[in-house]
Amino acid sequence: MEQIGGLLVPFIAMGAIMYFLLWRPEQAKRKKHQNMLENLSKGDEIVTNGGLHGKILGLSNDKNIILIVVGELNNQEVKVQISRSSVAFLKKGGELIEGE
């Protein structure tokens, strides 16, 4: 019986290490990113997962689609619709911010 207890201690220790080094920080990062996505508003500058930089022109009523302007072509704004979940970063002062 003592042998089983001796074998369980290292597995429990590894589980605790995995929790504190991997799972817990990832959960905090995910919460921070989700909070950033929920608080996006018109005028925010963003970067998508695909690397597209733009400024939010509007959000859909169900808040899953975002209309952004990404540039200008022949004196007309180039507008793109993206899903909210594709936003990777918020830009403030030229710096990328993962979540707030």
PDB file of N, CA and C in Angstrom:
ATOM      1  N   MET A   1       0.817  -1.195   0.000  1.00  0.00           N
ATOM      2  CA  MET A   1       0.000   0.000   0.000  1.00  0.00           C
ATOM      3  C   MET A   1       0.867   1.268   0.000  1.00  0.00           C
ATOM      4  N   GLU A   2       1.996   1.201   0.682  1.00  0.00           N
ATOM      5  CA  GLU A   2       2.883   2.360   0.717  1.00  0.00           C
ATOM      6  C   GLU A   2       3.499   2.625  -0.651  1.00  0.00           C
ATOM      7  N   GLN A   3       3.660   1.581  -1.456  1.00  0.00           N
ATOM      8  CA  GLN A   3       4.227   1.751  -2.787  1.00  0.00           C
ATOM      9  C   GLN A   3       3.280   2.568  -3.668  1.00  0.00           C
ATOM     10  N   ILE A   4       1.985   2.326  -3.535  1.00  0.00           N
ATOM     11  CA  ILE A   4       1.009   3.085  -4.323  1.00  0.00           C
ATOM     12  C   ILE A   4       1.042   4.553  -3.919  1.00  0.00           C
ATOM     13  N   GLY A   5       1.117   4.812  -2.629  1.00  0.00           N
ATOM     14  CA  GLY A   5       1.211   6.196  -2.149  1.00  0.00           C
ATOM     15  C   GLY A   5       2.472   6.874  -2.649  1.00  0.00           C
ATOM     16  N   GLY A   6       3.566   6.125  -2.669  1.00  0.00           N
ATOM     17  CA  GLY A   6       4.826   6.676  -3.171  1.00  0.00           C
ATOM     18  C   GLY A   6       4.773   6.985  -4.657  1.00  0.00           C
ATOM     19  N   LEU A   7       3.975   6.233  -5.412  1.00  0.00           N
ATOM     20  CA  LEU A   7       3.829   6.488  -6.842  1.00  0.00           C
ATOM     21  C   LEU A   7       2.876   7.639  -7.129  1.00  0.00           C
ATOM     22  N   LEU A   8       1.905   7.847  -6.263  1.00  0.00           N
ATOM     23  CA  LEU A   8       0.920   8.912  -6.492  1.00  0.00           C
ATOM     24  C   LEU A   8       1.491  10.309  -6.259  1.00  0.00           C
ATOM     25  N   VAL A   9       2.410  10.437  -5.340  1.00  0.00           N
ATOM     26  CA  VAL A   9       2.972  11.756  -5.000  1.00  0.00           C
ATOM     27  C   VAL A   9       3.577  12.447  -6.222  1.00  0.00           C
ATOM     28  N   PRO A  10       4.425  11.784  -7.019  1.00  0.00           N
ATOM     29  CA  PRO A  10       4.976  12.479  -8.194  1.00  0.00           C
ATOM     30  C   PRO A  10       3.901  12.863  -9.219  1.00  0.00           C
ATOM     31  N   PHE A  11       2.884  12.010  -9.393  1.00  0.00           N
ATOM     32  CA  PHE A  11       1.817  12.346 -10.342  1.00  0.00           C
ATOM     33  C   PHE A  11       0.996  13.538  -9.869  1.00  0.00           C
ATOM     34  N   ILE A  12       0.730  13.597  -8.587  1.00  0.00           N
ATOM     35  CA  ILE A  12       0.002  14.739  -8.029  1.00  0.00           C
ATOM     36  C   ILE A  12       0.843  16.005  -8.163  1.00  0.00           C
ATOM     37  N   ALA A  13       2.128  15.906  -7.900  1.00  0.00           N
ATOM     38  CA  ALA A  13       3.028  17.059  -8.032  1.00  0.00           C
ATOM     39  C   ALA A  13       3.082  17.537  -9.487  1.00  0.00           C
ATOM     40  N   MET A  14       3.164  16.600 -10.431  1.00  0.00           N
ATOM     41  CA  MET A  14       3.186  16.994 -11.852  1.00  0.00           C
ATOM     42  C   MET A  14       1.871  17.648 -12.259  1.00  0.00           C
ATOM     43  N   GLY A  15       0.766  17.130 -11.745  1.00  0.00           N
ATOM     44  CA  GLY A  15      -0.531  17.736 -12.037  1.00  0.00           C
ATOM     45  C   GLY A  15      -0.616  19.159 -11.513  1.00  0.00           C
ATOM     46  N   ALA A  16      -0.117  19.390 -10.314  1.00  0.00           N
ATOM     47  CA  ALA A  16      -0.122  20.742  -9.737  1.00  0.00           C
ATOM     48  C   ALA A  16       0.765  21.676 -10.546  1.00  0.00           C
ATOM     49  N   ILE A  17       1.921  21.194 -10.955  1.00  0.00           N
ATOM     50  CA  ILE A  17       2.828  22.018 -11.771  1.00  0.00           C
ATOM     51  C   ILE A  17       2.176  22.371 -13.098  1.00  0.00           C
ATOM     52  N   MET A  18       1.545  21.396 -13.740  1.00  0.00           N
ATOM     53  CA  MET A  18       0.859  21.645 -15.018  1.00  0.00           C
ATOM     54  C   MET A  18      -0.241  22.695 -14.838  1.00  0.00           C
ATOM     55  N   TYR A  19      -0.985  22.591 -13.745  1.00  0.00           N
ATOM     56  CA  TYR A  19      -2.072  23.536 -13.499  1.00  0.00           C
ATOM     57  C   TYR A  19      -1.531  24.952 -13.363  1.00  0.00           C
ATOM     58  N   PHE A  20      -0.524  25.139 -12.523  1.00  0.00           N
ATOM     59  CA  PHE A  20      -0.031  26.485 -12.252  1.00  0.00           C
ATOM     60  C   PHE A  20       0.830  27.068 -13.362  1.00  0.00           C
ATOM     61  N   LEU A  21       1.465  26.243 -14.155  1.00  0.00           N
ATOM     62  CA  LEU A  21       2.328  26.755 -15.227  1.00  0.00           C
ATOM     63  C   LEU A  21       1.633  26.835 -16.582  1.00  0.00           C
ATOM     64  N   LEU A  22       0.616  26.022 -16.824  1.00  0.00           N
ATOM     65  CA  LEU A  22      -0.003  25.988 -18.148  1.00  0.00           C
ATOM     66  C   LEU A  22      -1.478  26.385 -18.135  1.00  0.00           C
ATOM     67  N   TRP A  23      -2.290  25.663 -17.427  1.00  0.00           N
ATOM     68  CA  TRP A  23      -3.736  25.861 -17.519  1.00  0.00           C
ATOM     69  C   TRP A  23      -4.197  27.185 -16.935  1.00  0.00           C
ATOM     70  N   ARG A  24      -3.732  27.516 -15.758  1.00  0.00           N
ATOM     71  CA  ARG A  24      -4.191  28.743 -15.097  1.00  0.00           C
ATOM     72  C   ARG A  24      -3.812  29.998 -15.888  1.00  0.00           C
ATOM     73  N   PRO A  25      -2.558  30.151 -16.344  1.00  0.00           N
ATOM     74  CA  PRO A  25      -2.228  31.337 -17.148  1.00  0.00           C
ATOM     75  C   PRO A  25      -3.015  31.399 -18.459  1.00  0.00           C
ATOM     76  N   GLU A  26      -3.261  30.243 -19.072  1.00  0.00           N
ATOM     77  CA  GLU A  26      -4.024  30.224 -20.324  1.00  0.00           C
ATOM     78  C   GLU A  26      -5.461  30.663 -20.090  1.00  0.00           C
ATOM     79  N   GLN A  27      -6.058  30.250 -18.977  1.00  0.00           N
ATOM     80  CA  GLN A  27      -7.422  30.675 -18.654  1.00  0.00           C
ATOM     81  C   GLN A  27      -7.475  32.183 -18.431  1.00  0.00           C
ATOM     82  N   ALA A  28      -6.490  32.732 -17.742  1.00  0.00           N
ATOM     83  CA  ALA A  28      -6.450  34.172 -17.500  1.00  0.00           C
ATOM     84  C   ALA A  28      -6.300  34.932 -18.816  1.00  0.00           C
ATOM     85  N   LYS A  29      -5.440  34.433 -19.701  1.00  0.00           N
ATOM     86  CA  LYS A  29      -5.242  35.071 -21.005  1.00  0.00           C
ATOM     87  C   LYS A  29      -6.525  35.029 -21.826  1.00  0.00           C
ATOM     88  N   ARG A  30      -7.217  33.891 -21.808  1.00  0.00           N
ATOM     89  CA  ARG A  30      -8.464  33.740 -22.556  1.00  0.00           C
ATOM     90  C   ARG A  30      -9.543  34.689 -22.032  1.00  0.00           C
ATOM     91  N   LYS A  31      -9.633  34.835 -20.699  1.00  0.00           N
ATOM     92  CA  LYS A  31     -10.612  35.747 -20.100  1.00  0.00           C
ATOM     93  C   LYS A  31     -10.322  37.190 -20.494  1.00  0.00           C
ATOM     94  N   LYS A  32      -9.051  37.557 -20.460  1.00  0.00           N
ATOM     95  CA  LYS A  32      -8.626  38.917 -20.815  1.00  0.00           C
ATOM     96  C   LYS A  32      -8.972  39.219 -22.275  1.00  0.00           C
ATOM     97  N   HIS A  33      -8.718  38.268 -23.170  1.00  0.00           N
ATOM     98  CA  HIS A  33      -9.015  38.449 -24.583  1.00  0.00           C
ATOM     99  C   HIS A  33     -10.524  38.534 -24.814  1.00  0.00           C
ATOM    100  N   GLN A  34     -11.300  37.690 -24.136  1.00  0.00           N
ATOM    101  CA  GLN A  34     -12.758  37.720 -24.274  1.00  0.00           C
ATOM    102  C   GLN A  34     -13.319  39.052 -23.790  1.00  0.00           C
ATOM    103  N   ASN A  35     -12.779  39.576 -22.706  1.00  0.00           N
ATOM    104  CA  ASN A  35     -13.203  40.877 -22.188  1.00  0.00           C
ATOM    105  C   ASN A  35     -12.905  41.973 -23.202  1.00  0.00           C
ATOM    106  N   MET A  36     -11.733  41.913 -23.842  1.00  0.00           N
ATOM    107  CA  MET A  36     -11.373  42.890 -24.866  1.00  0.00           C
ATOM    108  C   MET A  36     -12.348  42.819 -26.037  1.00  0.00           C
ATOM    109  N   LEU A  37     -12.710  41.608 -26.475  1.00  0.00           N
ATOM    110  CA  LEU A  37     -13.643  41.447 -27.590  1.00  0.00           C
ATOM    111  C   LEU A  37     -15.018  42.010 -27.254  1.00  0.00           C
ATOM    112  N   GLU A  38     -15.473  41.804 -26.029  1.00  0.00           N
ATOM    113  CA  GLU A  38     -16.793  42.294 -25.626  1.00  0.00           C
ATOM    114  C   GLU A  38     -16.835  43.815 -25.526  1.00  0.00           C
ATOM    115  N   ASN A  39     -15.698  44.446 -25.265  1.00  0.00           N
ATOM    116  CA  ASN A  39     -15.672  45.897 -25.064  1.00  0.00           C
ATOM    117  C   ASN A  39     -15.214  46.679 -26.292  1.00  0.00           C
ATOM    118  N   LEU A  40     -15.147  46.044 -27.458  1.00  0.00           N
ATOM    119  CA  LEU A  40     -14.791  46.768 -28.678  1.00  0.00           C
ATOM    120  C   LEU A  40     -15.880  47.776 -29.000  1.00  0.00           C
ATOM    121  N   SER A  41     -15.486  48.926 -29.519  1.00  0.00           N
ATOM    122  CA  SER A  41     -16.471  49.945 -29.863  1.00  0.00           C
ATOM    123  C   SER A  41     -16.035  50.683 -31.128  1.00  0.00           C
ATOM    124  N   LYS A  42     -16.953  51.456 -31.657  1.00  0.00           N
ATOM    125  CA  LYS A  42     -16.691  52.219 -32.866  1.00  0.00           C
ATOM    126  C   LYS A  42     -15.502  53.151 -32.645  1.00  0.00           C
ATOM    127  N   GLY A  43     -14.576  53.179 -33.616  1.00  0.00           N
ATOM    128  CA  GLY A  43     -13.408  54.042 -33.534  1.00  0.00           C
ATOM    129  C   GLY A  43     -12.161  53.341 -33.031  1.00  0.00           C
ATOM    130  N   ASP A  44     -12.301  52.149 -32.456  1.00  0.00           N
ATOM    131  CA  ASP A  44     -11.132  51.401 -31.987  1.00  0.00           C
ATOM    132  C   ASP A  44     -10.314  50.918 -33.178  1.00  0.00           C
ATOM    133  N   GLU A  45      -9.002  50.947 -33.037  1.00  0.00           N
ATOM    134  CA  GLU A  45      -8.119  50.395 -34.055  1.00  0.00           C
ATOM    135  C   GLU A  45      -7.759  48.978 -33.637  1.00  0.00           C
ATOM    136  N   ILE A  46      -7.843  48.043 -34.601  1.00  0.00           N
ATOM    137  CA  ILE A  46      -7.642  46.635 -34.298  1.00  0.00           C
ATOM    138  C   ILE A  46      -6.710  45.975 -35.306  1.00  0.00           C
ATOM    139  N   VAL A  47      -6.249  44.778 -34.961  1.00  0.00           N
ATOM    140  CA  VAL A  47      -5.492  43.914 -35.855  1.00  0.00           C
ATOM    141  C   VAL A  47      -6.160  42.545 -35.798  1.00  0.00           C
ATOM    142  N   THR A  48      -6.425  41.960 -36.956  1.00  0.00           N
ATOM    143  CA  THR A  48      -7.074  40.653 -36.997  1.00  0.00           C
ATOM    144  C   THR A  48      -6.039  39.533 -36.909  1.00  0.00           C
ATOM    145  N   ASN A  49      -6.530  38.318 -36.750  1.00  0.00           N
ATOM    146  CA  ASN A  49      -5.638  37.153 -36.718  1.00  0.00           C
ATOM    147  C   ASN A  49      -4.875  37.006 -38.026  1.00  0.00           C
ATOM    148  N   GLY A  50      -5.450  37.474 -39.130  1.00  0.00           N
ATOM    149  CA  GLY A  50      -4.799  37.391 -40.429  1.00  0.00           C
ATOM    150  C   GLY A  50      -3.837  38.534 -40.701  1.00  0.00           C
ATOM    151  N   GLY A  51      -3.721  39.477 -39.761  1.00  0.00           N
ATOM    152  CA  GLY A  51      -2.782  40.581 -39.914  1.00  0.00           C
ATOM    153  C   GLY A  51      -3.373  41.829 -40.546  1.00  0.00           C
ATOM    154  N   LEU A  52      -4.680  41.883 -40.705  1.00  0.00           N
ATOM    155  CA  LEU A  52      -5.347  43.034 -41.296  1.00  0.00           C
ATOM    156  C   LEU A  52      -5.498  44.127 -40.238  1.00  0.00           C
ATOM    157  N   HIS A  53      -4.986  45.320 -40.528  1.00  0.00           N
ATOM    158  CA  HIS A  53      -5.078  46.458 -39.614  1.00  0.00           C
ATOM    159  C   HIS A  53      -6.233  47.340 -40.067  1.00  0.00           C
ATOM    160  N   GLY A  54      -7.049  47.799 -39.131  1.00  0.00           N
ATOM    161  CA  GLY A  54      -8.162  48.654 -39.504  1.00  0.00           C
ATOM    162  C   GLY A  54      -8.777  49.357 -38.319  1.00  0.00           C
ATOM    163  N   LYS A  55      -9.742  50.217 -38.636  1.00  0.00           N
ATOM    164  CA  LYS A  55     -10.460  50.997 -37.628  1.00  0.00           C
ATOM    165  C   LYS A  55     -11.928  50.604 -37.691  1.00  0.00           C
ATOM    166  N   ILE A  56     -12.543  50.365 -36.546  1.00  0.00           N
ATOM    167  CA  ILE A  56     -13.932  49.912 -36.493  1.00  0.00           C
ATOM    168  C   ILE A  56     -14.864  51.047 -36.889  1.00  0.00           C
ATOM    169  N   LEU A  57     -15.699  50.779 -37.905  1.00  0.00           N
ATOM    170  CA  LEU A  57     -16.720  51.742 -38.327  1.00  0.00           C
ATOM    171  C   LEU A  57     -18.060  51.446 -37.678  1.00  0.00           C
ATOM    172  N   GLY A  58     -18.318  50.172 -37.417  1.00  0.00           N
ATOM    173  CA  GLY A  58     -19.591  49.819 -36.808  1.00  0.00           C
ATOM    174  C   GLY A  58     -19.628  48.359 -36.410  1.00  0.00           C
ATOM    175  N   LEU A  59     -20.554  48.066 -35.513  1.00  0.00           N
ATOM    176  CA  LEU A  59     -20.767  46.707 -35.028  1.00  0.00           C
ATOM    177  C   LEU A  59     -22.192  46.309 -35.375  1.00  0.00           C
ATOM    178  N   SER A  60     -22.411  45.045 -35.714  1.00  0.00           N
ATOM    179  CA  SER A  60     -23.763  44.589 -36.023  1.00  0.00           C
ATOM    180  C   SER A  60     -24.595  44.525 -34.747  1.00  0.00           C
ATOM    181  N   ASN A  61     -25.900  44.434 -34.923  1.00  0.00           N
ATOM    182  CA  ASN A  61     -26.792  44.398 -33.768  1.00  0.00           C
ATOM    183  C   ASN A  61     -26.526  43.210 -32.865  1.00  0.00           C
ATOM    184  N   ASP A  62     -26.223  42.060 -33.462  1.00  0.00           N
ATOM    185  CA  ASP A  62     -25.942  40.881 -32.639  1.00  0.00           C
ATOM    186  C   ASP A  62     -24.481  40.845 -32.193  1.00  0.00           C
ATOM    187  N   LYS A  63     -23.716  41.848 -32.596  1.00  0.00           N
ATOM    188  CA  LYS A  63     -22.321  42.056 -32.176  1.00  0.00           C
ATOM    189  C   LYS A  63     -21.376  40.920 -32.572  1.00  0.00           C
ATOM    190  N   ASN A  64     -21.687  40.194 -33.632  1.00  0.00           N
ATOM    191  CA  ASN A  64     -20.768  39.165 -34.099  1.00  0.00           C
ATOM    192  C   ASN A  64     -20.037  39.584 -35.366  1.00  0.00           C
ATOM    193  N   ILE A  65     -20.510  40.621 -36.049  1.00  0.00           N
ATOM    194  CA  ILE A  65     -19.876  41.113 -37.268  1.00  0.00           C
ATOM    195  C   ILE A  65     -19.411  42.544 -37.024  1.00  0.00           C
ATOM    196  N   ILE A  66     -18.193  42.819 -37.460  1.00  0.00           N
ATOM    197  CA  ILE A  66     -17.616  44.154 -37.314  1.00  0.00           C
ATOM    198  C   ILE A  66     -17.284  44.681 -38.697  1.00  0.00           C
ATOM    199  N   LEU A  67     -17.617  45.927 -38.965  1.00  0.00           N
ATOM    200  CA  LEU A  67     -17.258  46.595 -40.211  1.00  0.00           C
ATOM    201  C   LEU A  67     -16.057  47.478 -39.920  1.00  0.00           C
ATOM    202  N   ILE A  68     -14.964  47.248 -40.663  1.00  0.00           N
ATOM    203  CA  ILE A  68     -13.765  48.051 -40.452  1.00  0.00           C
ATOM    204  C   ILE A  68     -13.333  48.698 -41.760  1.00  0.00           C
ATOM    205  N   VAL A  69     -12.630  49.800 -41.641  1.00  0.00           N
ATOM    206  CA  VAL A  69     -12.017  50.443 -42.795  1.00  0.00           C
ATOM    207  C   VAL A  69     -10.530  50.125 -42.720  1.00  0.00           C
ATOM    208  N   VAL A  70      -9.991  49.644 -43.861  1.00  0.00           N
ATOM    209  CA  VAL A  70      -8.598  49.207 -43.864  1.00  0.00           C
ATOM    210  C   VAL A  70      -7.690  50.097 -44.697  1.00  0.00           C
ATOM    211  N   GLY A  71      -8.268  51.017 -45.427  1.00  0.00           N
ATOM    212  CA  GLY A  71      -7.436  51.897 -46.246  1.00  0.00           C
ATOM    213  C   GLY A  71      -8.279  52.693 -47.215  1.00  0.00           C
ATOM    214  N   GLU A  72      -7.617  53.237 -48.225  1.00  0.00           N
ATOM    215  CA  GLU A  72      -8.290  54.070 -49.207  1.00  0.00           C
ATOM    216  C   GLU A  72      -7.803  53.697 -50.600  1.00  0.00           C
ATOM    217  N   LEU A  73      -8.718  53.623 -51.559  1.00  0.00           N
ATOM    218  CA  LEU A  73      -8.393  53.305 -52.929  1.00  0.00           C
ATOM    219  C   LEU A  73      -9.209  54.219 -53.826  1.00  0.00           C
ATOM    220  N   ASN A  74      -8.549  55.001 -54.673  1.00  0.00           N
ATOM    221  CA  ASN A  74      -9.222  55.958 -55.562  1.00  0.00           C
ATOM    222  C   ASN A  74     -10.160  56.879 -54.781  1.00  0.00           C
ATOM    223  N   ASN A  75      -9.664  57.404 -53.675  1.00  0.00           N
ATOM    224  CA  ASN A  75     -10.402  58.331 -52.813  1.00  0.00           C
ATOM    225  C   ASN A  75     -11.671  57.721 -52.221  1.00  0.00           C
ATOM    226  N   GLN A  76     -11.741  56.408 -52.118  1.00  0.00           N
ATOM    227  CA  GLN A  76     -12.874  55.741 -51.468  1.00  0.00           C
ATOM    228  C   GLN A  76     -12.326  54.820 -50.390  1.00  0.00           C
ATOM    229  N   GLU A  77     -13.024  54.776 -49.258  1.00  0.00           N
ATOM    230  CA  GLU A  77     -12.603  53.905 -48.170  1.00  0.00           C
ATOM    231  C   GLU A  77     -12.811  52.441 -48.542  1.00  0.00           C
ATOM    232  N   VAL A  78     -11.865  51.605 -48.192  1.00  0.00           N
ATOM    233  CA  VAL A  78     -11.998  50.169 -48.386  1.00  0.00           C
ATOM    234  C   VAL A  78     -12.538  49.597 -47.074  1.00  0.00           C
ATOM    235  N   LYS A  79     -13.754  49.031 -47.138  1.00  0.00           N
ATOM    236  CA  LYS A  79     -14.410  48.516 -45.945  1.00  0.00           C
ATOM    237  C   LYS A  79     -14.479  46.994 -46.021  1.00  0.00           C
ATOM    238  N   VAL A  80     -14.297  46.361 -44.869  1.00  0.00           N
ATOM    239  CA  VAL A  80     -14.297  44.905 -44.783  1.00  0.00           C
ATOM    240  C   VAL A  80     -15.142  44.497 -43.586  1.00  0.00           C
ATOM    241  N   GLN A  81     -15.945  43.448 -43.770  1.00  0.00           N
ATOM    242  CA  GLN A  81     -16.684  42.878 -42.646  1.00  0.00           C
ATOM    243  C   GLN A  81     -15.910  41.683 -42.117  1.00  0.00           C
ATOM    244  N   ILE A  82     -15.740  41.628 -40.806  1.00  0.00           N
ATOM    245  CA  ILE A  82     -15.045  40.512 -40.179  1.00  0.00           C
ATOM    246  C   ILE A  82     -15.876  40.019 -38.997  1.00  0.00           C
ATOM    247  N   SER A  83     -15.604  38.808 -38.573  1.00  0.00           N
ATOM    248  CA  SER A  83     -16.269  38.320 -37.369  1.00  0.00           C
ATOM    249  C   SER A  83     -15.501  38.822 -36.147  1.00  0.00           C
ATOM    250  N   ARG A  84     -16.230  39.051 -35.108  1.00  0.00           N
ATOM    251  CA  ARG A  84     -15.631  39.579 -33.875  1.00  0.00           C
ATOM    252  C   ARG A  84     -14.525  38.658 -33.357  1.00  0.00           C
ATOM    253  N   SER A  85     -14.709  37.372 -33.512  1.00  0.00           N
ATOM    254  CA  SER A  85     -13.736  36.412 -32.976  1.00  0.00           C
ATOM    255  C   SER A  85     -12.397  36.445 -33.714  1.00  0.00           C
ATOM    256  N   SER A  86     -12.340  37.087 -34.882  1.00  0.00           N
ATOM    257  CA  SER A  86     -11.075  37.143 -35.624  1.00  0.00           C
ATOM    258  C   SER A  86     -10.183  38.301 -35.182  1.00  0.00           C
ATOM    259  N   VAL A  87     -10.633  39.112 -34.239  1.00  0.00           N
ATOM    260  CA  VAL A  87      -9.818  40.217 -33.736  1.00  0.00           C
ATOM    261  C   VAL A  87      -8.771  39.660 -32.781  1.00  0.00           C
ATOM    262  N   ALA A  88      -7.513  39.940 -33.072  1.00  0.00           N
ATOM    263  CA  ALA A  88      -6.423  39.432 -32.237  1.00  0.00           C
ATOM    264  C   ALA A  88      -5.935  40.484 -31.247  1.00  0.00           C
ATOM    265  N   PHE A  89      -5.804  41.729 -31.708  1.00  0.00           N
ATOM    266  CA  PHE A  89      -5.228  42.773 -30.873  1.00  0.00           C
ATOM    267  C   PHE A  89      -6.005  44.067 -31.018  1.00  0.00           C
ATOM    268  N   LEU A  90      -5.941  44.864 -29.982  1.00  0.00           N
ATOM    269  CA  LEU A  90      -6.433  46.229 -29.986  1.00  0.00           C
ATOM    270  C   LEU A  90      -5.197  47.116 -30.064  1.00  0.00           C
ATOM    271  N   LYS A  91      -5.250  48.162 -30.887  1.00  0.00           N
ATOM    272  CA  LYS A  91      -4.105  49.077 -31.020  1.00  0.00           C
ATOM    273  C   LYS A  91      -4.396  50.358 -30.264  1.00  0.00           C
ATOM    274  N   LYS A  92      -3.461  50.753 -29.414  1.00  0.00           N
ATOM    275  CA  LYS A  92      -3.586  52.035 -28.709  1.00  0.00           C
ATOM    276  C   LYS A  92      -2.237  52.720 -28.788  1.00  0.00           C
ATOM    277  N   GLY A  93      -2.232  53.906 -29.339  1.00  0.00           N
ATOM    278  CA  GLY A  93      -0.986  54.660 -29.454  1.00  0.00           C
ATOM    279  C   GLY A  93       0.058  53.953 -30.303  1.00  0.00           C
ATOM    280  N   GLY A  94      -0.387  53.182 -31.297  1.00  0.00           N
ATOM    281  CA  GLY A  94       0.538  52.483 -32.170  1.00  0.00           C
ATOM    282  C   GLY A  94       1.072  51.179 -31.606  1.00  0.00           C
ATOM    283  N   GLU A  95       0.686  50.848 -30.364  1.00  0.00           N
ATOM    284  CA  GLU A  95       1.147  49.620 -29.723  1.00  0.00           C
ATOM    285  C   GLU A  95       0.024  48.584 -29.719  1.00  0.00           C
ATOM    286  N   LEU A  96       0.390  47.325 -29.893  1.00  0.00           N
ATOM    287  CA  LEU A  96      -0.589  46.246 -29.867  1.00  0.00           C
ATOM    288  C   LEU A  96      -0.854  45.831 -28.425  1.00  0.00           C
ATOM    289  N   ILE A  97      -2.147  45.741 -28.090  1.00  0.00           N
ATOM    290  CA  ILE A  97      -2.551  45.336 -26.756  1.00  0.00           C
ATOM    291  C   ILE A  97      -3.413  44.099 -26.893  1.00  0.00           C
ATOM    292  N   GLU A  98      -3.010  43.006 -26.261  1.00  0.00           N
ATOM    293  CA  GLU A  98      -3.722  41.735 -26.419  1.00  0.00           C
ATOM    294  C   GLU A  98      -5.087  41.749 -25.769  1.00  0.00           C
ATOM    295  N   GLY A  99      -5.218  42.313 -24.638  1.00  0.00           N
ATOM    296  CA  GLY A  99      -6.486  42.362 -23.921  1.00  0.00           C
ATOM    297  C   GLY A  99      -6.356  43.289 -22.741  1.00  0.00           C
ATOM    298  N   GLU A 100      -7.489  43.763 -22.263  1.00  0.00           N
ATOM    299  CA  GLU A 100      -7.448  44.695 -21.128  1.00  0.00           C
ATOM    300  C   GLU A 100      -8.377  44.234 -20.051  1.00  0.00           C
TER     301      GLU A 100
END
